[in-house]
C-alpha atoms as a PDB file:
ATOM      1  CA  MET A   1    -132.217 -24.334 125.837  1.00  0.00           C
ATOM      2  CA  LYS A   2    -131.967 -26.957 123.440  1.00  0.00           C
ATOM      3  CA  PHE A   3    -133.233 -26.265 120.157  1.00  0.00           C
ATOM      4  CA  ALA A   4    -133.651 -29.508 117.937  1.00  0.00           C
ATOM      5  CA  ILE A   5    -134.841 -29.197 113.973  1.00  0.00           C
ATOM      6  CA  VAL A   6    -137.172 -31.772 113.275  1.00  0.00           C
ATOM      7  CA  VAL A   7    -138.367 -32.145 109.015  1.00  0.00           C
ATOM      8  CA  PRO A   8    -141.259 -34.056 109.093  1.00  0.00           C
ATOM      9  CA  ALA A   9    -141.381 -36.045 105.368  1.00  0.00           C
ATOM     10  CA  ARG A  10    -143.816 -38.826 104.900  1.00  0.00           C
ATOM     11  CA  LYS A  11    -143.510 -40.706 101.813  1.00  0.00           C
ATOM     12  CA  ASN A  12    -146.899 -40.095  99.873  1.00  0.00           C
ATOM     13  CA  SER A  13    -148.558 -37.352  99.048  1.00  0.00           C
ATOM     14  CA  LYS A  14    -152.502 -36.721  98.269  1.00  0.00           C
ATOM     15  CA  SER A  15    -151.903 -33.186  95.927  1.00  0.00           C
ATOM     16  CA  LEU A  16    -148.611 -34.102  94.262  1.00  0.00           C
ATOM     17  CA  LYS A  17    -147.010 -37.454  93.918  1.00  0.00           C
ATOM     18  CA  ASN A  18    -143.457 -37.849  95.784  1.00  0.00           C
ATOM     19  CA  LYS A  19    -143.538 -34.042  96.169  1.00  0.00           C
ATOM     20  CA  ASN A  20    -140.907 -33.438  98.402  1.00  0.00           C
ATOM     21  CA  LEU A  21    -138.458 -35.476  96.058  1.00  0.00           C
ATOM     22  CA  TYR A  22    -139.862 -32.960  93.304  1.00  0.00           C
ATOM     23  CA  LEU A  23    -137.529 -31.283  91.327  1.00  0.00           C
ATOM     24  CA  LEU A  24    -137.202 -27.847  92.260  1.00  0.00           C
ATOM     25  CA  LYS A  25    -134.471 -25.794  90.424  1.00  0.00           C
ATOM     26  CA  LYS A  26    -132.126 -28.918  90.116  1.00  0.00           C
ATOM     27  CA  LYS A  27    -132.579 -29.860  93.668  1.00  0.00           C
ATOM     28  CA  LYS A  28    -135.240 -32.093  95.197  1.00  0.00           C
ATOM     29  CA  LEU A  29    -137.593 -30.099  97.063  1.00  0.00           C
ATOM     30  CA  ILE A  30    -136.628 -30.948 100.599  1.00  0.00           C
ATOM     31  CA  GLU A  31    -133.556 -30.348  99.784  1.00  0.00           C
ATOM     32  CA  HIS A  32    -134.243 -27.058 100.202  1.00  0.00           C
ATOM     33  CA  THR A  33    -135.339 -27.350 103.796  1.00  0.00           C
ATOM     34  CA  PHE A  34    -131.928 -29.152 104.152  1.00  0.00           C
ATOM     35  CA  LEU A  35    -129.494 -26.630 103.050  1.00  0.00           C
ATOM     36  CA  SER A  36    -131.400 -23.667 104.790  1.00  0.00           C
ATOM     37  CA  VAL A  37    -130.148 -25.053 108.035  1.00  0.00           C
ATOM     38  CA  LYS A  38    -126.896 -26.321 106.956  1.00  0.00           C
ATOM     39  CA  LYS A  39    -124.872 -23.905 108.729  1.00  0.00           C
ATOM     40  CA  LEU A  40    -126.776 -24.479 112.152  1.00  0.00           C
ATOM     41  CA  LYS A  41    -125.225 -26.779 114.982  1.00  0.00           C
ATOM     42  CA  ASN A  42    -128.747 -27.586 116.315  1.00  0.00           C
ATOM     43  CA  LEU A  43    -129.289 -31.261 116.750  1.00  0.00           C
ATOM     44  CA  LYS A  44    -131.305 -32.474 112.914  1.00  0.00           C
ATOM     45  CA  PHE A  45    -133.086 -34.866 112.590  1.00  0.00           C
ATOM     46  CA  VAL A  46    -135.401 -36.051 109.317  1.00  0.00           C
ATOM     47  CA  LEU A  47    -139.013 -38.119 110.273  1.00  0.00           C
ATOM     48  CA  SER A  48    -139.600 -39.899 107.459  1.00  0.00           C
ATOM     49  CA  ASP A  49    -141.165 -43.694 105.664  1.00  0.00           C
ATOM     50  CA  ASP A  50    -138.881 -42.714 102.462  1.00  0.00           C
ATOM     51  CA  LYS A  51    -135.780 -44.586 102.048  1.00  0.00           C
ATOM     52  CA  LYS A  52    -134.803 -42.011  99.748  1.00  0.00           C
ATOM     53  CA  ILE A  53    -135.742 -38.937 101.973  1.00  0.00           C
ATOM     54  CA  ARG A  54    -133.567 -40.429 104.531  1.00  0.00           C
ATOM     55  CA  LYS A  55    -130.838 -41.593 102.837  1.00  0.00           C
ATOM     56  CA  LEU A  56    -130.383 -37.827 101.723  1.00  0.00           C
ATOM     57  CA  SER A  57    -130.959 -36.470 104.567  1.00  0.00           C
ATOM     58  CA  LYS A  58    -127.514 -37.977 105.559  1.00  0.00           C
ATOM     59  CA  LYS A  59    -125.785 -35.787 103.296  1.00  0.00           C
ATOM     60  CA  TYR A  60    -126.963 -32.257 105.280  1.00  0.00           C
ATOM     61  CA  MET A  61    -125.805 -34.081 108.440  1.00  0.00           C
ATOM     62  CA  PHE A  62    -129.085 -34.836 109.510  1.00  0.00           C
ATOM     63  CA  ASN A  63    -129.797 -37.826 111.625  1.00  0.00           C
ATOM     64  CA  ASN A  64    -131.940 -40.324 110.229  1.00  0.00           C
ATOM     65  CA  SER A  65    -132.068 -43.009 112.884  1.00  0.00           C
ATOM     66  CA  TYR A  66    -135.759 -42.811 113.520  1.00  0.00           C
ATOM     67  CA  VAL A  67    -138.082 -44.530 110.961  1.00  0.00           C
ATOM     68  CA  ARG A  68    -141.451 -42.962 110.842  1.00  0.00           C
ATOM     69  CA  PRO A  69    -144.045 -46.559 111.070  1.00  0.00           C
ATOM     70  CA  PRO A  70    -146.884 -46.259 109.344  1.00  0.00           C
ATOM     71  CA  SER A  71    -149.229 -45.687 112.564  1.00  0.00           C
ATOM     72  CA  VAL A  72    -147.895 -41.988 111.872  1.00  0.00           C
ATOM     73  CA  SER A  73    -147.713 -41.474 108.358  1.00  0.00           C
ATOM     74  CA  SER A  74    -150.853 -41.632 106.399  1.00  0.00           C
ATOM     75  CA  SER A  75    -152.565 -38.287 105.079  1.00  0.00           C
ATOM     76  CA  LYS A  76    -155.017 -38.145 108.189  1.00  0.00           C
ATOM     77  CA  THR A  77    -152.075 -38.595 110.858  1.00  0.00           C
ATOM     78  CA  SER A  78    -151.675 -35.302 112.726  1.00  0.00           C
ATOM     79  CA  LEU A  79    -148.376 -33.520 113.049  1.00  0.00           C
ATOM     80  CA  VAL A  80    -149.087 -33.356 116.603  1.00  0.00           C
ATOM     81  CA  LYS A  81    -149.179 -37.208 116.676  1.00  0.00           C
ATOM     82  CA  THR A  82    -146.184 -37.652 114.725  1.00  0.00           C
ATOM     83  CA  LEU A  83    -143.838 -35.653 116.527  1.00  0.00           C
ATOM     84  CA  LEU A  84    -145.029 -37.370 119.699  1.00  0.00           C
ATOM     85  CA  HIS A  85    -144.310 -40.475 118.174  1.00  0.00           C
ATOM     86  CA  PHE A  86    -140.488 -38.939 117.795  1.00  0.00           C
ATOM     87  CA  LEU A  87    -140.138 -37.621 121.079  1.00  0.00           C
ATOM     88  CA  SER A  88    -141.104 -41.324 122.522  1.00  0.00           C
ATOM     89  CA  TRP A  89    -138.449 -42.531 120.297  1.00  0.00           C
ATOM     90  CA  ALA A  90    -136.027 -39.697 121.161  1.00  0.00           C
ATOM     91  CA  LYS A  91    -136.615 -39.392 125.364  1.00  0.00           C
ATOM     92  CA  ASN A  92    -133.516 -41.762 126.266  1.00  0.00           C
ATOM     93  CA  LYS A  93    -131.500 -40.915 123.651  1.00  0.00           C
ATOM     94  CA  HIS A  94    -131.351 -37.215 123.218  1.00  0.00           C
ATOM     95  CA  SER A  95    -131.550 -34.165 125.432  1.00  0.00           C
ATOM     96  CA  ILE A  96    -134.252 -31.803 124.031  1.00  0.00           C
ATOM     97  CA  ASP A  97    -136.053 -28.922 125.245  1.00  0.00           C
ATOM     98  CA  PHE A  98    -137.703 -27.218 122.263  1.00  0.00           C
ATOM     99  CA  LEU A  99    -138.638 -28.370 118.753  1.00  0.00           C
ATOM    100  CA  VAL A 100    -138.212 -26.429 115.655  1.00  0.00           C
ATOM    101  CA  ILE A 101    -140.456 -27.944 113.181  1.00  0.00           C
ATOM    102  CA  LEU A 102    -139.579 -26.875 109.591  1.00  0.00           C
ATOM    103  CA  GLN A 103    -142.123 -28.485 106.559  1.00  0.00           C
ATOM    104  CA  PRO A 104    -140.581 -29.326 103.570  1.00  0.00           C
ATOM    105  CA  THR A 105    -143.073 -27.859 101.476  1.00  0.00           C
ATOM    106  CA  SER A 106    -141.574 -24.225 102.413  1.00  0.00           C
ATOM    107  CA  PRO A 107    -138.220 -23.711 100.322  1.00  0.00           C
ATOM    108  CA  LEU A 108    -137.600 -20.511 100.271  1.00  0.00           C
ATOM    109  CA  ARG A 109    -137.598 -20.345 104.005  1.00  0.00           C
ATOM    110  CA  ASN A 110    -133.797 -19.126 104.900  1.00  0.00           C
ATOM    111  CA  ASN A 111    -131.587 -19.791 107.908  1.00  0.00           C
ATOM    112  CA  ILE A 112    -132.006 -16.340 108.986  1.00  0.00           C
ATOM    113  CA  ASP A 113    -135.895 -17.205 109.208  1.00  0.00           C
ATOM    114  CA  VAL A 114    -135.227 -19.967 111.720  1.00  0.00           C
ATOM    115  CA  ILE A 115    -132.727 -18.076 113.596  1.00  0.00           C
ATOM    116  CA  LYS A 116    -134.665 -14.646 113.936  1.00  0.00           C
ATOM    117  CA  ALA A 117    -137.994 -17.191 115.162  1.00  0.00           C
ATOM    118  CA  ILE A 118    -135.763 -19.244 117.681  1.00  0.00           C
ATOM    119  CA  ASN A 119    -133.795 -16.122 118.939  1.00  0.00           C
ATOM    120  CA  LEU A 120    -137.558 -14.513 119.514  1.00  0.00           C
ATOM    121  CA  VAL A 121    -138.330 -17.608 121.901  1.00  0.00           C
ATOM    122  CA  LYS A 122    -135.356 -17.089 123.757  1.00  0.00           C
ATOM    123  CA  LYS A 123    -135.692 -13.134 124.023  1.00  0.00           C
ATOM    124  CA  LYS A 124    -139.516 -13.348 124.910  1.00  0.00           C
ATOM    125  CA  LYS A 125    -139.615 -16.907 126.911  1.00  0.00           C
ATOM    126  CA  LEU A 126    -142.443 -18.399 124.632  1.00  0.00           C
ATOM    127  CA  VAL A 127    -143.694 -21.651 124.947  1.00  0.00           C
ATOM    128  CA  THR A 128    -144.663 -22.132 121.297  1.00  0.00           C
ATOM    129  CA  LEU A 129    -144.467 -20.063 118.232  1.00  0.00           C
ATOM    130  CA  PHE A 130    -145.394 -20.232 114.545  1.00  0.00           C
ATOM    131  CA  SER A 131    -144.176 -18.192 111.357  1.00  0.00           C
ATOM    132  CA  ALA A 132    -146.717 -15.749 109.684  1.00  0.00           C
ATOM    133  CA  SER A 133    -147.433 -13.496 106.630  1.00  0.00           C
ATOM    134  CA  GLU A 134    -148.979 -10.950 105.188  1.00  0.00           C
ATOM    135  CA  SER A 135    -152.679 -12.570 103.771  1.00  0.00           C
ATOM    136  CA  LEU A 136    -151.908 -12.537  99.623  1.00  0.00           C
ATOM    137  CA  GLU A 137    -155.716 -11.716  99.409  1.00  0.00           C
ATOM    138  CA  HIS A 138    -157.721 -10.138 101.819  1.00  0.00           C
ATOM    139  CA  PRO A 139    -160.624 -12.196 103.303  1.00  0.00           C
ATOM    140  CA  TYR A 140    -162.995  -9.515 102.710  1.00  0.00           C
ATOM    141  CA  GLU A 141    -162.057 -10.428  99.070  1.00  0.00           C
ATOM    142  CA  SER A 142    -163.286 -13.616  99.349  1.00  0.00           C
ATOM    143  CA  ILE A 143    -166.422 -15.301  97.717  1.00  0.00           C
ATOM    144  CA  ASN A 144    -167.887 -18.553  97.806  1.00  0.00           C
ATOM    145  CA  ILE A 145    -169.298 -19.943  94.561  1.00  0.00           C
ATOM    146  CA  LEU A 146    -172.387 -22.025  94.928  1.00  0.00           C
ATOM    147  CA  LYS A 147    -173.113 -23.738  91.132  1.00  0.00           C
ATOM    148  CA  LYS A 148    -174.988 -19.821  90.036  1.00  0.00           C
ATOM    149  CA  LYS A 149    -174.796 -18.284  92.929  1.00  0.00           C
ATOM    150  CA  TRP A 150    -172.298 -16.634  94.737  1.00  0.00           C
ATOM    151  CA  ASN A 151    -171.598 -14.544  98.896  1.00  0.00           C
ATOM    152  CA  TYR A 152    -168.800 -13.131 100.575  1.00  0.00           C
ATOM    153  CA  ASN A 153    -167.519 -15.367 102.877  1.00  0.00           C
ATOM    154  CA  LEU A 154    -167.441 -12.424 105.519  1.00  0.00           C
ATOM    155  CA  LYS A 155    -170.336 -10.245 106.330  1.00  0.00           C
ATOM    156  CA  ASN A 156    -168.362  -7.227 106.969  1.00  0.00           C
ATOM    157  CA  SER A 157    -167.324  -7.583 103.528  1.00  0.00           C
ATOM    158  CA  THR A 158    -170.041  -5.649 102.293  1.00  0.00           C
ATOM    159  CA  LYS A 159    -169.352  -2.320 104.071  1.00  0.00           C
ATOM    160  CA  TYR A 160    -165.412  -1.704 102.378  1.00  0.00           C
ATOM    161  CA  TYR A 161    -164.496  -0.570  98.524  1.00  0.00           C
ATOM    162  CA  ARG A 162    -160.893   0.249  99.158  1.00  0.00           C
ATOM    163  CA  ARG A 163    -158.071  -2.147 100.789  1.00  0.00           C
ATOM    164  CA  GLN A 164    -156.725   0.440 102.934  1.00  0.00           C
ATOM    165  CA  ASP A 165    -160.765   1.060 104.520  1.00  0.00           C
ATOM    166  CA  TYR A 166    -160.400  -2.579 106.179  1.00  0.00           C
ATOM    167  CA  ASP A 167    -160.953  -2.850 109.915  1.00  0.00           C
ATOM    168  CA  ILE A 168    -158.484  -5.282 110.277  1.00  0.00           C
ATOM    169  CA  ASN A 169    -154.840  -6.482 109.128  1.00  0.00           C
ATOM    170  CA  SER A 170    -154.646 -10.000 107.856  1.00  0.00           C
ATOM    171  CA  TYR A 171    -151.915 -12.908 107.826  1.00  0.00           C
ATOM    172  CA  PHE A 172    -151.440 -16.067 107.305  1.00  0.00           C
ATOM    173  CA  ILE A 173    -150.054 -18.979 109.047  1.00  0.00           C
ATOM    174  CA  ASN A 174    -147.534 -19.742 106.552  1.00  0.00           C
ATOM    175  CA  GLY A 175    -146.156 -23.480 107.992  1.00  0.00           C
ATOM    176  CA  ALA A 176    -142.727 -22.549 107.113  1.00  0.00           C
ATOM    177  CA  ILE A 177    -141.943 -23.171 110.703  1.00  0.00           C
ATOM    178  CA  TYR A 178    -143.309 -24.216 114.290  1.00  0.00           C
ATOM    179  CA  ILE A 179    -141.416 -24.445 117.373  1.00  0.00           C
ATOM    180  CA  VAL A 180    -143.074 -25.450 120.915  1.00  0.00           C
ATOM    181  CA  SER A 181    -141.758 -26.609 124.070  1.00  0.00           C
ATOM    182  CA  VAL A 182    -141.295 -30.429 124.073  1.00  0.00           C
ATOM    183  CA  LYS A 183    -142.976 -30.101 128.111  1.00  0.00           C
ATOM    184  CA  TYR A 184    -145.501 -28.155 126.595  1.00  0.00           C
ATOM    185  CA  LEU A 185    -146.224 -30.424 123.735  1.00  0.00           C
ATOM    186  CA  LEU A 186    -145.665 -34.175 125.913  1.00  0.00           C
ATOM    187  CA  LYS A 187    -148.753 -32.607 128.529  1.00  0.00           C
ATOM    188  CA  TYR A 188    -150.920 -30.461 126.324  1.00  0.00           C
ATOM    189  CA  LYS A 189    -150.512 -32.516 123.076  1.00  0.00           C
ATOM    190  CA  LYS A 190    -150.867 -28.822 121.129  1.00  0.00           C
ATOM    191  CA  LEU A 191    -148.991 -26.355 119.044  1.00  0.00           C
ATOM    192  CA  VAL A 192    -150.538 -23.107 120.241  1.00  0.00           C
ATOM    193  CA  SER A 193    -150.451 -21.996 124.052  1.00  0.00           C
ATOM    194  CA  LYS A 194    -151.100 -19.084 125.967  1.00  0.00           C
ATOM    195  CA  LYS A 195    -147.803 -17.599 125.693  1.00  0.00           C
ATOM    196  CA  HIS A 196    -147.374 -18.039 122.074  1.00  0.00           C
ATOM    197  CA  GLY A 197    -145.171 -15.785 119.481  1.00  0.00           C
ATOM    198  CA  ILE A 198    -145.380 -14.733 115.976  1.00  0.00           C
ATOM    199  CA  TYR A 199    -142.278 -14.561 113.696  1.00  0.00           C
ATOM    200  CA  LYS A 200    -143.389 -12.597 110.950  1.00  0.00           C
ATOM    201  CA  MET A 201    -141.854 -13.478 107.063  1.00  0.00           C
ATOM    202  CA  PRO A 202    -141.781 -11.930 104.388  1.00  0.00           C
ATOM    203  CA  LYS A 203    -144.545 -12.763 101.867  1.00  0.00           C
ATOM    204  CA  ILE A 204    -141.804 -13.629  99.243  1.00  0.00           C
ATOM    205  CA  ARG A 205    -140.260 -16.295 100.836  1.00  0.00           C
ATOM    206  CA  SER A 206    -143.618 -17.802 102.237  1.00  0.00           C
ATOM    207  CA  ILE A 207    -145.070 -19.633  99.021  1.00  0.00           C
ATOM    208  CA  ASP A 208    -146.348 -23.362 101.044  1.00  0.00           C
ATOM    209  CA  ILE A 209    -146.629 -25.360  97.940  1.00  0.00           C
ATOM    210  CA  ASN A 210    -149.493 -28.270  97.475  1.00  0.00           C
ATOM    211  CA  ASP A 211    -149.317 -28.338  93.447  1.00  0.00           C
ATOM    212  CA  ILE A 212    -147.777 -27.994  90.377  1.00  0.00           C
ATOM    213  CA  ASN A 213    -148.670 -24.038  90.199  1.00  0.00           C
ATOM    214  CA  ASP A 214    -146.969 -23.493  93.738  1.00  0.00           C
ATOM    215  CA  PHE A 215    -144.056 -25.498  92.358  1.00  0.00           C
ATOM    216  CA  ARG A 216    -143.747 -23.026  89.268  1.00  0.00           C
ATOM    217  CA  ILE A 217    -143.924 -20.226  91.305  1.00  0.00           C
ATOM    218  CA  ALA A 218    -141.337 -20.815  93.459  1.00  0.00           C
ATOM    219  CA  GLU A 219    -139.100 -21.515  90.456  1.00  0.00           C
ATOM    220  CA  LYS A 220    -139.425 -18.071  89.372  1.00  0.00           C
ATOM    221  CA  LEU A 221    -138.887 -16.373  93.030  1.00  0.00           C
ATOM    222  CA  LEU A 222    -135.876 -19.109  93.315  1.00  0.00           C
END
């Protein structure tokens, strides 16, 4: 099975301008993802419409031949649509069985996480996989505030007052790693299948950067 690593990174960002090139501990955000797989010998591709990102990826031995067009580079473009466009470009150039998707907004993900996720797919003969970690806040403690009123988001929240009594374990999809079979993706255009696995990542490596506060937390953790 041939696993290709792909890093999708479009130029613009709604939450923070040029987020992927924002400096984090003297390195650009996306460089932390490039560095995390530096020792892996898999095929590596960057999927970007940004000349600076594509140029930077070459330094880390990423293939930057694919140029992400405007049609799959808007804020409304789904990840699946981008991947399908990339596969259409790659089909006569490279032999790929699985895509390992690493989003640049997870700078604390490391090479061990990637290797373990790939090995889990191989061992369990999975079709798809994503990484997840324990929720920082339990959904029973989540509330909705509307003007002067508030309500619990989940009805069962009123039944519990102690976390140790909660009747569900809560995890969140941290966005750090997705793995999908190319055949499955082409046929069903989905990232989750019936034969799906979950790679459990530690909370401390699961931050997903969306704004400046997330950057500050990541700096402290790094």
